[in-house]
Amino acid sequence: MIPLLTRERSRAFDADWIARGVPGLVLMENAGRGAADLAVARLLRGDAAGKRVVILCGRGNNAGDGFVVARRLHVLGADVRVLTTEDVARLAGDAAIQAAAYRALGAPLHPWEGAGQLASVDLVVDALFGTGLTRALEGAWRTPYAPRARAGRRSWRSTSPPASMRTPAACTETSACGPR
C-alpha cells in the first residue's frame, strides 16, 4: 500500500522544501513524473504504449501536476487526452508553465463536456482539486472520482482505474473520504 499524506501534511511538505530552496516547479515536475511512472508500473501493467489515458485538469497547481503526467505518458507512447474544466489561459505560475510544456509537444487540450468522455479508457487521472482547495466541494464534485462514477455503473466497473494526483481535496485529518 502506498502511504498517503493528508492535505495538511502535503501542504507542509511542499512548504518545507520550498523554504529549503527547492522551487515549486521542481516539486511539481517530480510529483508528476513519479505519479506517471507509478501509474505505468501499477495501473498500466508496466507499459504505457498505446494505452488510452484521460487526465482531468482544473485550474490550480494540481492541474500543473496533471500536465506533467500527461507529458510523461505521451512521451512513453500513451494516447493521452487532457480534459480541462477551465480556460487554460487562466492558469498562472508553475501550472501555466507545465501546460505550455505539454502543449509544446503539439498535443491538444479538450474541454470537459461530461462523463461520456471517460468511456473506453485504460486510466483516468484526477488532477482537478488539490491541496489548495479551501472550500467544500459541492454538487457532483463532492464525491472523489464523481465524474467517473457519473459515467455509469458499467463504466465504473471497467478495467480503467482512477488515480488521483493528491489526497482528494475533500480529505482532511479528521474527515472520512469516499462515496457518501
N, C-alpha and C. Protein backbone atom coordinates (compact mmCIF):
# COMPACT_ATOMS: atom_id res chain seq x y z
N MET A 1 0.85 -1.18 0.00
CA MET A 1 0.00 0.00 0.00
C MET A 1 0.89 1.24 0.00
N ILE A 2 0.48 2.22 -0.75
CA ILE A 2 1.22 3.47 -0.83
C ILE A 2 0.69 4.41 0.24
N PRO A 3 1.55 4.92 1.13
CA PRO A 3 1.06 5.82 2.17
C PRO A 3 0.61 7.15 1.55
N LEU A 4 -0.47 7.69 2.09
CA LEU A 4 -0.99 8.97 1.63
C LEU A 4 -0.73 10.03 2.68
N LEU A 5 -0.44 11.23 2.19
CA LEU A 5 -0.34 12.37 3.08
C LEU A 5 -1.68 13.07 3.11
N THR A 6 -2.08 13.52 4.28
CA THR A 6 -3.29 14.32 4.35
C THR A 6 -3.04 15.65 3.65
N ARG A 7 -4.10 16.39 3.43
CA ARG A 7 -3.99 17.71 2.80
C ARG A 7 -3.02 18.59 3.59
N GLU A 8 -3.18 18.61 4.89
CA GLU A 8 -2.35 19.46 5.74
C GLU A 8 -0.88 19.04 5.67
N ARG A 9 -0.63 17.76 5.74
CA ARG A 9 0.76 17.29 5.71
C ARG A 9 1.39 17.49 4.34
N SER A 10 0.61 17.34 3.29
CA SER A 10 1.12 17.57 1.94
C SER A 10 1.51 19.03 1.75
N ARG A 11 0.68 19.92 2.23
CA ARG A 11 0.99 21.36 2.13
C ARG A 11 2.25 21.69 2.94
N ALA A 12 2.37 21.11 4.13
CA ALA A 12 3.54 21.36 4.96
C ALA A 12 4.80 20.80 4.31
N PHE A 13 4.69 19.62 3.69
CA PHE A 13 5.81 19.01 2.99
C PHE A 13 6.32 19.94 1.88
N ASP A 14 5.39 20.42 1.04
CA ASP A 14 5.77 21.33 -0.04
C ASP A 14 6.40 22.61 0.51
N ALA A 15 5.77 23.19 1.52
CA ALA A 15 6.27 24.45 2.09
C ALA A 15 7.68 24.28 2.66
N ASP A 16 7.91 23.15 3.30
CA ASP A 16 9.23 22.88 3.87
C ASP A 16 10.31 22.83 2.79
N TRP A 17 10.05 22.12 1.70
CA TRP A 17 11.04 22.01 0.63
C TRP A 17 11.23 23.33 -0.10
N ILE A 18 10.16 24.08 -0.27
CA ILE A 18 10.29 25.40 -0.91
C ILE A 18 11.11 26.32 -0.02
N ALA A 19 10.90 26.26 1.30
CA ALA A 19 11.69 27.07 2.24
C ALA A 19 13.17 26.68 2.21
N ARG A 20 13.46 25.44 1.87
CA ARG A 20 14.86 24.97 1.76
C ARG A 20 15.48 25.36 0.43
N GLY A 21 14.70 25.97 -0.46
CA GLY A 21 15.24 26.44 -1.72
C GLY A 21 14.89 25.62 -2.95
N VAL A 22 14.05 24.61 -2.81
CA VAL A 22 13.64 23.82 -3.96
C VAL A 22 12.43 24.51 -4.59
N PRO A 23 12.54 24.95 -5.84
CA PRO A 23 11.42 25.66 -6.46
C PRO A 23 10.18 24.77 -6.59
N GLY A 24 9.02 25.40 -6.49
CA GLY A 24 7.77 24.68 -6.64
C GLY A 24 7.67 23.96 -7.97
N LEU A 25 8.26 24.54 -9.01
CA LEU A 25 8.23 23.92 -10.33
C LEU A 25 8.95 22.57 -10.31
N VAL A 26 10.04 22.47 -9.55
CA VAL A 26 10.78 21.21 -9.43
C VAL A 26 9.94 20.19 -8.67
N LEU A 27 9.29 20.62 -7.59
CA LEU A 27 8.43 19.72 -6.83
C LEU A 27 7.30 19.20 -7.72
N MET A 28 6.72 20.09 -8.53
CA MET A 28 5.64 19.71 -9.44
C MET A 28 6.13 18.71 -10.48
N GLU A 29 7.28 18.95 -11.03
CA GLU A 29 7.84 18.04 -12.04
C GLU A 29 8.09 16.67 -11.42
N ASN A 30 8.67 16.65 -10.22
CA ASN A 30 8.94 15.38 -9.55
C ASN A 30 7.66 14.63 -9.20
N ALA A 31 6.66 15.36 -8.71
CA ALA A 31 5.38 14.73 -8.36
C ALA A 31 4.71 14.13 -9.60
N GLY A 32 4.68 14.90 -10.66
CA GLY A 32 4.04 14.42 -11.88
C GLY A 32 4.77 13.25 -12.51
N ARG A 33 6.08 13.35 -12.55
CA ARG A 33 6.87 12.25 -13.13
C ARG A 33 6.72 10.99 -12.29
N GLY A 34 6.77 11.14 -10.97
CA GLY A 34 6.61 9.99 -10.09
C GLY A 34 5.23 9.38 -10.20
N ALA A 35 4.20 10.22 -10.30
CA ALA A 35 2.84 9.71 -10.45
C ALA A 35 2.68 8.97 -11.77
N ALA A 36 3.25 9.52 -12.84
CA ALA A 36 3.16 8.87 -14.15
C ALA A 36 3.86 7.52 -14.12
N ASP A 37 5.05 7.49 -13.56
CA ASP A 37 5.80 6.23 -13.51
C ASP A 37 5.09 5.19 -12.64
N LEU A 38 4.51 5.63 -11.54
CA LEU A 38 3.75 4.72 -10.67
C LEU A 38 2.50 4.20 -11.39
N ALA A 39 1.83 5.09 -12.11
CA ALA A 39 0.64 4.67 -12.87
C ALA A 39 1.00 3.63 -13.92
N VAL A 40 2.12 3.84 -14.60
CA VAL A 40 2.55 2.85 -15.61
C VAL A 40 2.85 1.52 -14.93
N ALA A 41 3.62 1.56 -13.86
CA ALA A 41 4.02 0.32 -13.19
C ALA A 41 2.85 -0.43 -12.57
N ARG A 42 1.95 0.29 -11.91
CA ARG A 42 0.91 -0.39 -11.14
C ARG A 42 -0.45 -0.48 -11.81
N LEU A 43 -0.76 0.49 -12.66
CA LEU A 43 -2.11 0.53 -13.23
C LEU A 43 -2.14 0.19 -14.72
N LEU A 44 -1.01 0.35 -15.39
CA LEU A 44 -0.96 0.05 -16.83
C LEU A 44 -0.08 -1.16 -17.11
N ARG A 45 0.18 -1.93 -16.09
CA ARG A 45 0.92 -3.19 -16.20
C ARG A 45 2.30 -3.03 -16.85
N GLY A 46 2.96 -1.92 -16.52
CA GLY A 46 4.35 -1.74 -16.94
C GLY A 46 4.56 -1.18 -18.33
N ASP A 47 3.49 -0.85 -19.06
CA ASP A 47 3.67 -0.37 -20.43
C ASP A 47 2.59 0.64 -20.77
N ALA A 48 3.00 1.87 -21.07
CA ALA A 48 2.05 2.93 -21.43
C ALA A 48 1.73 2.95 -22.91
N ALA A 49 2.56 2.33 -23.72
CA ALA A 49 2.41 2.40 -25.18
C ALA A 49 1.02 1.98 -25.63
N GLY A 50 0.36 2.88 -26.34
CA GLY A 50 -0.95 2.59 -26.90
C GLY A 50 -2.11 2.64 -25.93
N LYS A 51 -1.83 2.85 -24.64
CA LYS A 51 -2.91 2.90 -23.65
C LYS A 51 -3.66 4.23 -23.77
N ARG A 52 -4.96 4.15 -23.60
CA ARG A 52 -5.81 5.34 -23.66
C ARG A 52 -5.92 5.92 -22.24
N VAL A 53 -5.44 7.16 -22.10
CA VAL A 53 -5.41 7.80 -20.79
C VAL A 53 -6.12 9.15 -20.87
N VAL A 54 -6.99 9.40 -19.92
CA VAL A 54 -7.64 10.70 -19.79
C VAL A 54 -7.11 11.35 -18.52
N ILE A 55 -6.73 12.61 -18.64
CA ILE A 55 -6.27 13.37 -17.49
C ILE A 55 -7.19 14.57 -17.34
N LEU A 56 -7.84 14.67 -16.17
CA LEU A 56 -8.75 15.76 -15.87
C LEU A 56 -7.98 16.86 -15.16
N CYS A 57 -7.92 18.05 -15.76
CA CYS A 57 -7.18 19.17 -15.17
C CYS A 57 -8.10 20.34 -14.87
N GLY A 58 -7.93 20.89 -13.68
CA GLY A 58 -8.68 22.07 -13.27
C GLY A 58 -7.87 23.32 -13.49
N ARG A 59 -7.85 24.20 -12.48
CA ARG A 59 -7.19 25.49 -12.68
C ARG A 59 -6.03 25.78 -11.73
N GLY A 60 -5.75 24.90 -10.81
CA GLY A 60 -4.70 25.18 -9.83
C GLY A 60 -3.42 24.42 -10.10
N ASN A 61 -2.58 24.36 -9.07
CA ASN A 61 -1.31 23.65 -9.22
C ASN A 61 -1.51 22.16 -9.44
N ASN A 62 -2.61 21.59 -8.97
CA ASN A 62 -2.87 20.19 -9.24
C ASN A 62 -2.97 19.95 -10.74
N ALA A 63 -3.52 20.92 -11.45
CA ALA A 63 -3.57 20.83 -12.92
C ALA A 63 -2.15 20.79 -13.48
N GLY A 64 -1.25 21.56 -12.89
CA GLY A 64 0.15 21.52 -13.32
C GLY A 64 0.74 20.14 -13.18
N ASP A 65 0.46 19.48 -12.04
CA ASP A 65 0.89 18.10 -11.86
C ASP A 65 0.32 17.22 -12.96
N GLY A 66 -0.96 17.43 -13.28
CA GLY A 66 -1.62 16.65 -14.32
C GLY A 66 -0.97 16.84 -15.68
N PHE A 67 -0.55 18.06 -15.99
CA PHE A 67 0.12 18.29 -17.27
C PHE A 67 1.48 17.59 -17.33
N VAL A 68 2.15 17.49 -16.20
CA VAL A 68 3.41 16.74 -16.16
C VAL A 68 3.13 15.26 -16.43
N VAL A 69 2.11 14.71 -15.79
CA VAL A 69 1.73 13.32 -16.02
C VAL A 69 1.41 13.12 -17.50
N ALA A 70 0.64 14.03 -18.05
CA ALA A 70 0.26 13.93 -19.46
C ALA A 70 1.49 13.93 -20.37
N ARG A 71 2.42 14.82 -20.10
CA ARG A 71 3.64 14.90 -20.92
C ARG A 71 4.45 13.62 -20.82
N ARG A 72 4.61 13.13 -19.61
CA ARG A 72 5.39 11.91 -19.39
C ARG A 72 4.74 10.70 -20.08
N LEU A 73 3.44 10.55 -19.92
CA LEU A 73 2.76 9.41 -20.53
C LEU A 73 2.74 9.54 -22.06
N HIS A 74 2.64 10.75 -22.56
CA HIS A 74 2.71 10.98 -24.01
C HIS A 74 4.07 10.51 -24.55
N VAL A 75 5.13 10.90 -23.86
CA VAL A 75 6.49 10.52 -24.28
C VAL A 75 6.66 9.00 -24.22
N LEU A 76 5.97 8.35 -23.28
CA LEU A 76 6.05 6.89 -23.14
C LEU A 76 5.13 6.16 -24.12
N GLY A 77 4.45 6.90 -24.99
CA GLY A 77 3.66 6.29 -26.04
C GLY A 77 2.17 6.13 -25.77
N ALA A 78 1.69 6.67 -24.65
CA ALA A 78 0.26 6.57 -24.36
C ALA A 78 -0.52 7.51 -25.27
N ASP A 79 -1.77 7.16 -25.51
CA ASP A 79 -2.70 8.02 -26.23
C ASP A 79 -3.38 8.88 -25.16
N VAL A 80 -2.83 10.07 -24.94
CA VAL A 80 -3.25 10.93 -23.83
C VAL A 80 -4.27 11.96 -24.33
N ARG A 81 -5.30 12.12 -23.54
CA ARG A 81 -6.31 13.14 -23.82
C ARG A 81 -6.49 13.95 -22.53
N VAL A 82 -6.09 15.22 -22.57
CA VAL A 82 -6.25 16.10 -21.42
C VAL A 82 -7.57 16.84 -21.55
N LEU A 83 -8.40 16.69 -20.53
CA LEU A 83 -9.68 17.39 -20.48
C LEU A 83 -9.59 18.48 -19.42
N THR A 84 -9.89 19.71 -19.81
CA THR A 84 -9.77 20.83 -18.89
C THR A 84 -11.15 21.36 -18.50
N THR A 85 -11.29 21.68 -17.23
CA THR A 85 -12.54 22.26 -16.74
C THR A 85 -12.50 23.78 -16.76
N GLU A 86 -11.34 24.33 -17.02
CA GLU A 86 -11.15 25.78 -17.02
C GLU A 86 -10.41 26.20 -18.27
N ASP A 87 -10.50 27.47 -18.60
CA ASP A 87 -9.73 28.02 -19.71
C ASP A 87 -8.26 28.01 -19.31
N VAL A 88 -7.43 27.34 -20.09
CA VAL A 88 -6.01 27.20 -19.75
C VAL A 88 -5.32 28.56 -19.70
N ALA A 89 -5.85 29.54 -20.41
CA ALA A 89 -5.27 30.89 -20.38
C ALA A 89 -5.36 31.50 -18.98
N ARG A 90 -6.23 30.97 -18.14
CA ARG A 90 -6.37 31.48 -16.77
C ARG A 90 -5.35 30.88 -15.81
N LEU A 91 -4.63 29.85 -16.24
CA LEU A 91 -3.61 29.25 -15.37
C LEU A 91 -2.50 30.26 -15.11
N ALA A 92 -1.90 30.15 -13.95
CA ALA A 92 -0.80 31.05 -13.58
C ALA A 92 0.36 30.25 -13.01
N GLY A 93 1.51 30.88 -12.95
CA GLY A 93 2.66 30.30 -12.28
C GLY A 93 3.11 28.98 -12.86
N ASP A 94 3.47 28.07 -11.96
CA ASP A 94 4.01 26.77 -12.35
C ASP A 94 3.03 25.95 -13.19
N ALA A 95 1.74 26.03 -12.88
CA ALA A 95 0.75 25.28 -13.65
C ALA A 95 0.72 25.77 -15.10
N ALA A 96 0.84 27.07 -15.31
CA ALA A 96 0.87 27.62 -16.67
C ALA A 96 2.12 27.16 -17.42
N ILE A 97 3.23 27.09 -16.73
CA ILE A 97 4.48 26.61 -17.34
C ILE A 97 4.33 25.16 -17.77
N GLN A 98 3.74 24.34 -16.91
CA GLN A 98 3.58 22.91 -17.24
C GLN A 98 2.57 22.72 -18.38
N ALA A 99 1.52 23.53 -18.41
CA ALA A 99 0.56 23.44 -19.52
C ALA A 99 1.25 23.80 -20.84
N ALA A 100 2.09 24.82 -20.81
CA ALA A 100 2.82 25.22 -22.03
C ALA A 100 3.78 24.12 -22.46
N ALA A 101 4.43 23.47 -21.50
CA ALA A 101 5.36 22.39 -21.85
C ALA A 101 4.62 21.23 -22.49
N TYR A 102 3.42 20.92 -21.99
CA TYR A 102 2.62 19.85 -22.60
C TYR A 102 2.19 20.25 -24.01
N ARG A 103 1.73 21.45 -24.17
CA ARG A 103 1.26 21.91 -25.48
C ARG A 103 2.42 22.01 -26.48
N ALA A 104 3.63 22.20 -25.99
CA ALA A 104 4.80 22.26 -26.88
C ALA A 104 5.02 20.94 -27.60
N LEU A 105 4.45 19.86 -27.09
CA LEU A 105 4.54 18.56 -27.76
C LEU A 105 3.61 18.50 -28.97
N GLY A 106 2.81 19.54 -29.15
CA GLY A 106 1.82 19.53 -30.22
C GLY A 106 0.55 18.83 -29.82
N ALA A 107 0.41 18.56 -28.55
CA ALA A 107 -0.75 17.83 -28.04
C ALA A 107 -1.89 18.81 -27.77
N PRO A 108 -3.09 18.48 -28.22
CA PRO A 108 -4.23 19.38 -27.99
C PRO A 108 -4.81 19.23 -26.60
N LEU A 109 -5.55 20.24 -26.19
CA LEU A 109 -6.33 20.20 -24.97
C LEU A 109 -7.80 20.17 -25.38
N HIS A 110 -8.61 19.53 -24.56
CA HIS A 110 -10.03 19.40 -24.87
C HIS A 110 -10.83 19.87 -23.67
N PRO A 111 -11.94 20.57 -23.90
CA PRO A 111 -12.77 20.99 -22.76
C PRO A 111 -13.54 19.81 -22.17
N TRP A 112 -13.74 19.86 -20.86
CA TRP A 112 -14.57 18.87 -20.19
C TRP A 112 -16.01 19.09 -20.63
N GLU A 113 -16.62 18.06 -21.17
CA GLU A 113 -18.01 18.15 -21.64
C GLU A 113 -18.92 17.18 -20.92
N GLY A 114 -18.36 16.23 -20.23
CA GLY A 114 -19.19 15.30 -19.49
C GLY A 114 -18.55 13.94 -19.33
N ALA A 115 -19.19 13.13 -18.50
CA ALA A 115 -18.65 11.82 -18.13
C ALA A 115 -18.49 10.87 -19.30
N GLY A 116 -19.21 11.11 -20.39
CA GLY A 116 -19.07 10.26 -21.56
C GLY A 116 -17.66 10.26 -22.12
N GLN A 117 -16.90 11.31 -21.84
CA GLN A 117 -15.51 11.38 -22.29
C GLN A 117 -14.60 10.42 -21.55
N LEU A 118 -15.12 9.77 -20.52
CA LEU A 118 -14.30 8.86 -19.73
C LEU A 118 -14.52 7.40 -20.12
N ALA A 119 -15.35 7.17 -21.10
CA ALA A 119 -15.64 5.80 -21.52
C ALA A 119 -14.48 5.23 -22.34
N SER A 120 -14.31 3.95 -22.26
CA SER A 120 -13.33 3.20 -23.07
C SER A 120 -11.91 3.71 -22.93
N VAL A 121 -11.50 3.96 -21.70
CA VAL A 121 -10.11 4.36 -21.46
C VAL A 121 -9.46 3.35 -20.52
N ASP A 122 -8.14 3.35 -20.52
CA ASP A 122 -7.39 2.45 -19.66
C ASP A 122 -7.08 3.06 -18.30
N LEU A 123 -7.07 4.40 -18.23
CA LEU A 123 -6.72 5.08 -16.99
C LEU A 123 -7.31 6.47 -17.00
N VAL A 124 -7.86 6.89 -15.85
CA VAL A 124 -8.31 8.26 -15.63
C VAL A 124 -7.47 8.83 -14.51
N VAL A 125 -6.84 9.98 -14.76
CA VAL A 125 -6.04 10.66 -13.74
C VAL A 125 -6.78 11.91 -13.30
N ASP A 126 -7.06 12.00 -12.01
CA ASP A 126 -7.75 13.14 -11.42
C ASP A 126 -6.70 14.17 -11.01
N ALA A 127 -6.63 15.28 -11.76
CA ALA A 127 -5.76 16.40 -11.39
C ALA A 127 -6.62 17.65 -11.28
N LEU A 128 -7.81 17.49 -10.72
CA LEU A 128 -8.76 18.60 -10.62
C LEU A 128 -8.57 19.42 -9.36
N PHE A 129 -8.71 18.79 -8.21
CA PHE A 129 -8.67 19.50 -6.95
C PHE A 129 -7.49 19.00 -6.13
N GLY A 130 -6.72 19.92 -5.63
CA GLY A 130 -5.55 19.54 -4.85
C GLY A 130 -5.59 20.12 -3.46
N THR A 131 -4.43 20.28 -2.90
CA THR A 131 -4.33 20.73 -1.51
C THR A 131 -4.64 22.20 -1.35
N GLY A 132 -4.70 22.94 -2.44
CA GLY A 132 -5.01 24.37 -2.35
C GLY A 132 -6.48 24.67 -2.22
N LEU A 133 -7.31 23.67 -2.41
CA LEU A 133 -8.75 23.89 -2.32
C LEU A 133 -9.12 24.19 -0.88
N THR A 134 -9.76 25.33 -0.66
CA THR A 134 -10.10 25.75 0.70
C THR A 134 -11.60 25.76 0.95
N ARG A 135 -12.40 25.44 -0.05
CA ARG A 135 -13.84 25.40 0.12
C ARG A 135 -14.30 23.95 0.03
N ALA A 136 -15.47 23.70 0.53
CA ALA A 136 -16.03 22.35 0.42
C ALA A 136 -16.43 22.09 -1.03
N LEU A 137 -16.23 20.88 -1.48
CA LEU A 137 -16.69 20.52 -2.81
C LEU A 137 -18.20 20.46 -2.79
N GLU A 138 -18.80 20.87 -3.89
CA GLU A 138 -20.25 20.94 -3.95
C GLU A 138 -20.78 20.09 -5.09
N GLY A 139 -22.02 19.73 -4.96
CA GLY A 139 -22.73 19.04 -6.03
C GLY A 139 -22.03 17.76 -6.45
N ALA A 140 -21.92 17.60 -7.75
CA ALA A 140 -21.36 16.37 -8.32
C ALA A 140 -19.89 16.19 -7.97
N TRP A 141 -19.18 17.24 -7.61
CA TRP A 141 -17.75 17.13 -7.31
C TRP A 141 -17.49 16.69 -5.88
N ARG A 142 -18.53 16.56 -5.05
CA ARG A 142 -18.33 16.24 -3.64
C ARG A 142 -17.68 14.87 -3.43
N THR A 143 -18.07 13.89 -4.19
CA THR A 143 -17.54 12.54 -4.03
C THR A 143 -16.27 12.39 -4.85
N PRO A 144 -15.17 11.93 -4.25
CA PRO A 144 -13.97 11.68 -5.06
C PRO A 144 -14.31 10.79 -6.25
N TYR A 145 -13.77 11.17 -7.39
CA TYR A 145 -13.98 10.46 -8.65
C TYR A 145 -15.42 10.52 -9.11
N ALA A 146 -16.14 11.56 -8.69
CA ALA A 146 -17.54 11.70 -9.11
C ALA A 146 -17.71 11.70 -10.62
N PRO A 147 -16.83 12.35 -11.40
CA PRO A 147 -17.03 12.29 -12.85
C PRO A 147 -17.02 10.85 -13.35
N ARG A 148 -16.15 10.04 -12.78
CA ARG A 148 -16.04 8.64 -13.17
C ARG A 148 -17.31 7.90 -12.76
N ALA A 149 -17.79 8.17 -11.57
CA ALA A 149 -18.99 7.50 -11.09
C ALA A 149 -20.19 7.86 -11.94
N ARG A 150 -20.26 9.12 -12.37
CA ARG A 150 -21.39 9.55 -13.19
C ARG A 150 -21.35 8.92 -14.58
N ALA A 151 -20.23 8.36 -14.97
CA ALA A 151 -20.14 7.73 -16.29
C ALA A 151 -21.01 6.47 -16.35
N GLY A 152 -21.43 6.01 -15.20
CA GLY A 152 -22.33 4.84 -15.18
C GLY A 152 -21.69 3.64 -14.53
N ARG A 153 -22.51 2.79 -13.95
CA ARG A 153 -22.01 1.62 -13.23
C ARG A 153 -21.16 0.72 -14.12
N ARG A 154 -21.58 0.51 -15.34
CA ARG A 154 -20.83 -0.37 -16.22
C ARG A 154 -19.43 0.19 -16.47
N SER A 155 -19.36 1.50 -16.73
CA SER A 155 -18.07 2.13 -16.98
C SER A 155 -17.23 2.12 -15.70
N TRP A 156 -17.87 2.38 -14.56
CA TRP A 156 -17.14 2.43 -13.29
C TRP A 156 -16.47 1.08 -13.00
N ARG A 157 -17.10 0.00 -13.38
CA ARG A 157 -16.56 -1.33 -13.13
C ARG A 157 -15.62 -1.79 -14.23
N SER A 158 -15.36 -0.95 -15.20
CA SER A 158 -14.49 -1.35 -16.29
C SER A 158 -13.06 -1.49 -15.78
N THR A 159 -12.16 -1.80 -16.67
CA THR A 159 -10.77 -2.01 -16.27
C THR A 159 -10.00 -0.71 -16.12
N SER A 160 -10.62 0.42 -16.34
CA SER A 160 -9.89 1.68 -16.23
C SER A 160 -9.95 2.23 -14.81
N PRO A 161 -8.83 2.14 -14.08
CA PRO A 161 -8.82 2.61 -12.70
C PRO A 161 -8.66 4.13 -12.64
N PRO A 162 -9.25 4.77 -11.62
CA PRO A 162 -8.98 6.19 -11.42
C PRO A 162 -7.72 6.33 -10.58
N ALA A 163 -7.00 7.40 -10.80
CA ALA A 163 -5.82 7.71 -9.99
C ALA A 163 -5.89 9.19 -9.64
N SER A 164 -5.48 9.54 -8.45
CA SER A 164 -5.53 10.93 -8.02
C SER A 164 -4.12 11.46 -7.81
N MET A 165 -3.89 12.70 -8.24
CA MET A 165 -2.57 13.31 -8.07
C MET A 165 -2.24 13.54 -6.61
N ARG A 166 -3.21 13.89 -5.82
CA ARG A 166 -3.00 14.17 -4.40
C ARG A 166 -4.10 13.48 -3.61
N THR A 167 -3.97 13.50 -2.30
CA THR A 167 -5.08 13.06 -1.48
C THR A 167 -6.27 13.89 -1.92
N PRO A 168 -7.42 13.28 -2.17
CA PRO A 168 -8.57 14.07 -2.61
C PRO A 168 -8.75 15.28 -1.72
N ALA A 169 -9.02 16.41 -2.34
CA ALA A 169 -9.07 17.68 -1.62
C ALA A 169 -10.08 17.70 -0.48
N ALA A 170 -11.10 16.91 -0.57
CA ALA A 170 -12.11 16.89 0.49
C ALA A 170 -11.60 16.18 1.74
N CYS A 171 -10.47 15.49 1.65
CA CYS A 171 -9.94 14.73 2.78
C CYS A 171 -9.08 15.63 3.67
N THR A 172 -9.34 15.61 4.94
CA THR A 172 -8.54 16.33 5.91
C THR A 172 -8.15 15.35 7.00
N GLU A 173 -7.43 15.82 7.98
CA GLU A 173 -7.03 14.97 9.08
C GLU A 173 -8.23 14.29 9.74
N THR A 174 -9.36 14.98 9.80
CA THR A 174 -10.48 14.47 10.57
C THR A 174 -11.67 14.02 9.73
N SER A 175 -11.60 14.13 8.40
CA SER A 175 -12.76 13.75 7.60
C SER A 175 -12.58 12.38 6.99
N ALA A 176 -13.68 11.74 6.75
CA ALA A 176 -13.67 10.46 6.03
C ALA A 176 -13.81 10.76 4.55
N CYS A 177 -13.22 9.92 3.72
CA CYS A 177 -13.29 10.12 2.28
C CYS A 177 -13.97 8.92 1.64
N GLY A 178 -14.55 9.17 0.52
CA GLY A 178 -15.19 8.10 -0.21
C GLY A 178 -16.63 8.42 -0.49
N PRO A 179 -17.31 7.56 -1.20
CA PRO A 179 -18.70 7.82 -1.56
C PRO A 179 -19.55 8.05 -0.32
N ARG A 180 -20.43 8.99 -0.43
CA ARG A 180 -21.33 9.32 0.69
C ARG A 180 -22.74 8.88 0.36
